[in-house]
Amino acid sequence: MPEQPKKGNPLNSYAKYSGIGIQMFAIIGIGSFIGVKLDDHYGNEGSLWTIILSLTATIVAVVFVIRRIIANSKDDN
């Protein structure tokens, strides 16, 4: 007898993916905040640290989201 696909609660799915979005927002926010503080500390007028850490945090957050979505899709199968 073939297995029936699991039908999860849609609210559970929304909570899972909104949590991923909040974590992405937090990673980018923390990276940008640290960049601003470093620019204030070192007196950079061009906001070099803010730019570098914001871009790095964005890349890290996107990689994190992709890995979580892949892991969640494997769990669903």
N, C-alpha and C. Protein backbone atom coordinates (compact mmCIF):
# COMPACT_ATOMS: atom_id res chain seq x y z
N MET A 1 0.83 -1.17 0.00
CA MET A 1 0.00 0.00 0.00
C MET A 1 0.89 1.25 0.00
N PRO A 2 0.75 2.15 -0.99
CA PRO A 2 1.61 3.34 -1.05
C PRO A 2 1.29 4.30 0.09
N GLU A 3 2.35 4.99 0.51
CA GLU A 3 2.18 5.95 1.59
C GLU A 3 1.48 7.20 1.09
N GLN A 4 0.62 7.73 1.91
CA GLN A 4 -0.08 8.96 1.58
C GLN A 4 0.83 10.14 1.91
N PRO A 5 0.89 11.17 1.05
CA PRO A 5 1.71 12.33 1.39
C PRO A 5 1.14 13.04 2.62
N LYS A 6 2.07 13.56 3.43
CA LYS A 6 1.66 14.27 4.63
C LYS A 6 1.05 15.61 4.26
N LYS A 7 -0.07 15.90 4.87
CA LYS A 7 -0.66 17.22 4.69
C LYS A 7 -0.54 17.94 6.02
N GLY A 8 0.44 18.86 6.10
CA GLY A 8 0.65 19.59 7.34
C GLY A 8 -0.29 20.76 7.45
N ASN A 9 -0.32 21.30 8.60
CA ASN A 9 -1.12 22.48 8.86
C ASN A 9 -0.50 23.67 8.12
N PRO A 10 -1.27 24.40 7.30
CA PRO A 10 -0.69 25.54 6.57
C PRO A 10 -0.18 26.62 7.51
N LEU A 11 -0.79 26.75 8.67
CA LEU A 11 -0.33 27.75 9.63
C LEU A 11 1.07 27.42 10.12
N ASN A 12 1.36 26.14 10.28
CA ASN A 12 2.69 25.71 10.69
C ASN A 12 3.72 26.08 9.63
N SER A 13 3.36 25.93 8.36
CA SER A 13 4.26 26.28 7.27
C SER A 13 4.53 27.78 7.24
N TYR A 14 3.48 28.58 7.44
CA TYR A 14 3.66 30.03 7.47
C TYR A 14 4.57 30.45 8.61
N ALA A 15 4.39 29.84 9.75
CA ALA A 15 5.22 30.17 10.92
C ALA A 15 6.68 29.81 10.67
N LYS A 16 6.90 28.67 10.01
CA LYS A 16 8.26 28.23 9.74
C LYS A 16 8.97 29.22 8.81
N TYR A 17 8.30 29.62 7.74
CA TYR A 17 8.95 30.50 6.77
C TYR A 17 9.00 31.95 7.23
N SER A 18 8.07 32.38 8.05
CA SER A 18 8.19 33.73 8.59
C SER A 18 9.33 33.79 9.60
N GLY A 19 9.57 32.70 10.31
CA GLY A 19 10.72 32.63 11.21
C GLY A 19 12.03 32.75 10.46
N ILE A 20 12.10 32.13 9.30
CA ILE A 20 13.30 32.24 8.47
C ILE A 20 13.50 33.69 8.03
N GLY A 21 12.42 34.37 7.67
CA GLY A 21 12.51 35.78 7.27
C GLY A 21 12.98 36.67 8.40
N ILE A 22 12.49 36.41 9.60
CA ILE A 22 12.91 37.20 10.76
C ILE A 22 14.39 36.97 11.05
N GLN A 23 14.85 35.74 10.92
CA GLN A 23 16.27 35.45 11.13
C GLN A 23 17.13 36.14 10.08
N MET A 24 16.66 36.17 8.84
CA MET A 24 17.39 36.86 7.78
C MET A 24 17.49 38.36 8.09
N PHE A 25 16.38 38.94 8.51
CA PHE A 25 16.35 40.35 8.88
C PHE A 25 17.32 40.63 10.02
N ALA A 26 17.37 39.74 11.01
CA ALA A 26 18.25 39.92 12.16
C ALA A 26 19.72 39.84 11.76
N ILE A 27 20.07 38.90 10.90
CA ILE A 27 21.47 38.75 10.46
C ILE A 27 21.93 40.01 9.74
N ILE A 28 21.11 40.51 8.82
CA ILE A 28 21.48 41.71 8.07
C ILE A 28 21.53 42.92 8.99
N GLY A 29 20.57 43.02 9.91
CA GLY A 29 20.55 44.14 10.85
C GLY A 29 21.76 44.18 11.76
N ILE A 30 22.15 43.02 12.28
CA ILE A 30 23.32 42.96 13.15
C ILE A 30 24.59 43.31 12.39
N GLY A 31 24.73 42.79 11.17
CA GLY A 31 25.90 43.11 10.36
C GLY A 31 25.99 44.60 10.05
N SER A 32 24.87 45.21 9.71
CA SER A 32 24.86 46.64 9.42
C SER A 32 25.15 47.47 10.66
N PHE A 33 24.59 47.05 11.79
CA PHE A 33 24.81 47.77 13.05
C PHE A 33 26.29 47.75 13.44
N ILE A 34 26.92 46.58 13.32
CA ILE A 34 28.35 46.48 13.64
C ILE A 34 29.17 47.33 12.69
N GLY A 35 28.79 47.36 11.41
CA GLY A 35 29.49 48.20 10.44
C GLY A 35 29.39 49.68 10.77
N VAL A 36 28.21 50.12 11.18
CA VAL A 36 28.03 51.53 11.57
C VAL A 36 28.89 51.85 12.78
N LYS A 37 28.90 50.96 13.77
CA LYS A 37 29.70 51.20 14.98
C LYS A 37 31.19 51.24 14.67
N LEU A 38 31.64 50.36 13.77
CA LEU A 38 33.06 50.38 13.39
C LEU A 38 33.41 51.66 12.64
N ASP A 39 32.52 52.13 11.78
CA ASP A 39 32.77 53.38 11.08
C ASP A 39 32.82 54.55 12.06
N ASP A 40 31.95 54.55 13.06
CA ASP A 40 32.00 55.60 14.08
C ASP A 40 33.29 55.53 14.87
N HIS A 41 33.72 54.34 15.21
CA HIS A 41 34.92 54.17 16.02
C HIS A 41 36.18 54.60 15.28
N TYR A 42 36.28 54.23 14.01
CA TYR A 42 37.48 54.54 13.22
C TYR A 42 37.36 55.86 12.47
N GLY A 43 36.23 56.50 12.49
CA GLY A 43 36.06 57.80 11.84
C GLY A 43 36.06 57.75 10.32
N ASN A 44 35.58 56.68 9.73
CA ASN A 44 35.52 56.59 8.28
C ASN A 44 34.37 57.45 7.76
N GLU A 45 34.68 58.31 6.81
CA GLU A 45 33.63 59.15 6.23
C GLU A 45 32.90 58.43 5.11
N GLY A 46 33.52 57.46 4.49
CA GLY A 46 32.92 56.76 3.36
C GLY A 46 32.08 55.56 3.74
N SER A 47 31.92 55.30 5.02
CA SER A 47 31.12 54.16 5.51
C SER A 47 31.60 52.84 4.94
N LEU A 48 32.90 52.65 4.90
CA LEU A 48 33.48 51.44 4.32
C LEU A 48 33.06 50.18 5.09
N TRP A 49 33.16 50.21 6.41
CA TRP A 49 32.79 49.03 7.20
C TRP A 49 31.30 48.71 7.09
N THR A 50 30.48 49.74 7.02
CA THR A 50 29.05 49.51 6.89
C THR A 50 28.73 48.81 5.58
N ILE A 51 29.34 49.24 4.52
CA ILE A 51 29.11 48.63 3.21
C ILE A 51 29.60 47.19 3.19
N ILE A 52 30.82 46.97 3.68
CA ILE A 52 31.41 45.62 3.66
C ILE A 52 30.59 44.66 4.51
N LEU A 53 30.28 45.06 5.74
CA LEU A 53 29.56 44.15 6.63
C LEU A 53 28.10 43.97 6.23
N SER A 54 27.49 44.99 5.64
CA SER A 54 26.11 44.83 5.16
C SER A 54 26.05 43.83 4.01
N LEU A 55 26.97 43.94 3.07
CA LEU A 55 27.00 43.00 1.95
C LEU A 55 27.34 41.58 2.42
N THR A 56 28.31 41.47 3.33
CA THR A 56 28.67 40.16 3.85
C THR A 56 27.51 39.52 4.60
N ALA A 57 26.83 40.32 5.43
CA ALA A 57 25.68 39.80 6.18
C ALA A 57 24.55 39.39 5.25
N THR A 58 24.36 40.13 4.17
CA THR A 58 23.32 39.78 3.20
C THR A 58 23.64 38.45 2.52
N ILE A 59 24.88 38.26 2.14
CA ILE A 59 25.28 37.00 1.52
C ILE A 59 25.12 35.84 2.49
N VAL A 60 25.53 36.04 3.74
CA VAL A 60 25.39 35.00 4.76
C VAL A 60 23.91 34.68 4.98
N ALA A 61 23.06 35.71 5.03
CA ALA A 61 21.63 35.50 5.26
C ALA A 61 20.99 34.74 4.10
N VAL A 62 21.36 35.06 2.87
CA VAL A 62 20.80 34.37 1.70
C VAL A 62 21.23 32.90 1.70
N VAL A 63 22.50 32.64 2.00
CA VAL A 63 22.98 31.26 2.07
C VAL A 63 22.24 30.51 3.18
N PHE A 64 22.04 31.17 4.32
CA PHE A 64 21.30 30.57 5.43
C PHE A 64 19.88 30.21 5.01
N VAL A 65 19.21 31.12 4.33
CA VAL A 65 17.83 30.87 3.90
C VAL A 65 17.77 29.73 2.89
N ILE A 66 18.68 29.70 1.94
CA ILE A 66 18.70 28.62 0.95
C ILE A 66 18.91 27.27 1.62
N ARG A 67 19.85 27.22 2.58
CA ARG A 67 20.11 25.96 3.27
C ARG A 67 18.91 25.51 4.08
N ARG A 68 18.21 26.44 4.73
CA ARG A 68 17.03 26.09 5.52
C ARG A 68 15.89 25.61 4.64
N ILE A 69 15.71 26.25 3.49
CA ILE A 69 14.63 25.84 2.58
C ILE A 69 14.92 24.45 2.01
N ILE A 70 16.17 24.19 1.66
CA ILE A 70 16.53 22.86 1.17
C ILE A 70 16.31 21.82 2.26
N ALA A 71 16.70 22.12 3.49
CA ALA A 71 16.50 21.17 4.60
C ALA A 71 15.01 20.95 4.86
N ASN A 72 14.23 22.00 4.79
CA ASN A 72 12.78 21.87 5.02
C ASN A 72 12.12 21.07 3.91
N SER A 73 12.57 21.24 2.68
CA SER A 73 11.97 20.49 1.58
C SER A 73 12.34 19.01 1.68
N LYS A 74 13.52 18.70 2.19
CA LYS A 74 13.90 17.29 2.39
C LYS A 74 13.07 16.68 3.51
N ASP A 75 12.77 17.47 4.55
CA ASP A 75 11.93 16.97 5.64
C ASP A 75 10.51 16.70 5.18
N ASP A 76 10.02 17.50 4.25
CA ASP A 76 8.66 17.33 3.76
C ASP A 76 8.50 16.08 2.89
N ASN A 77 9.60 15.66 2.26
CA ASN A 77 9.54 14.45 1.40
C ASN A 77 9.68 13.26 2.23
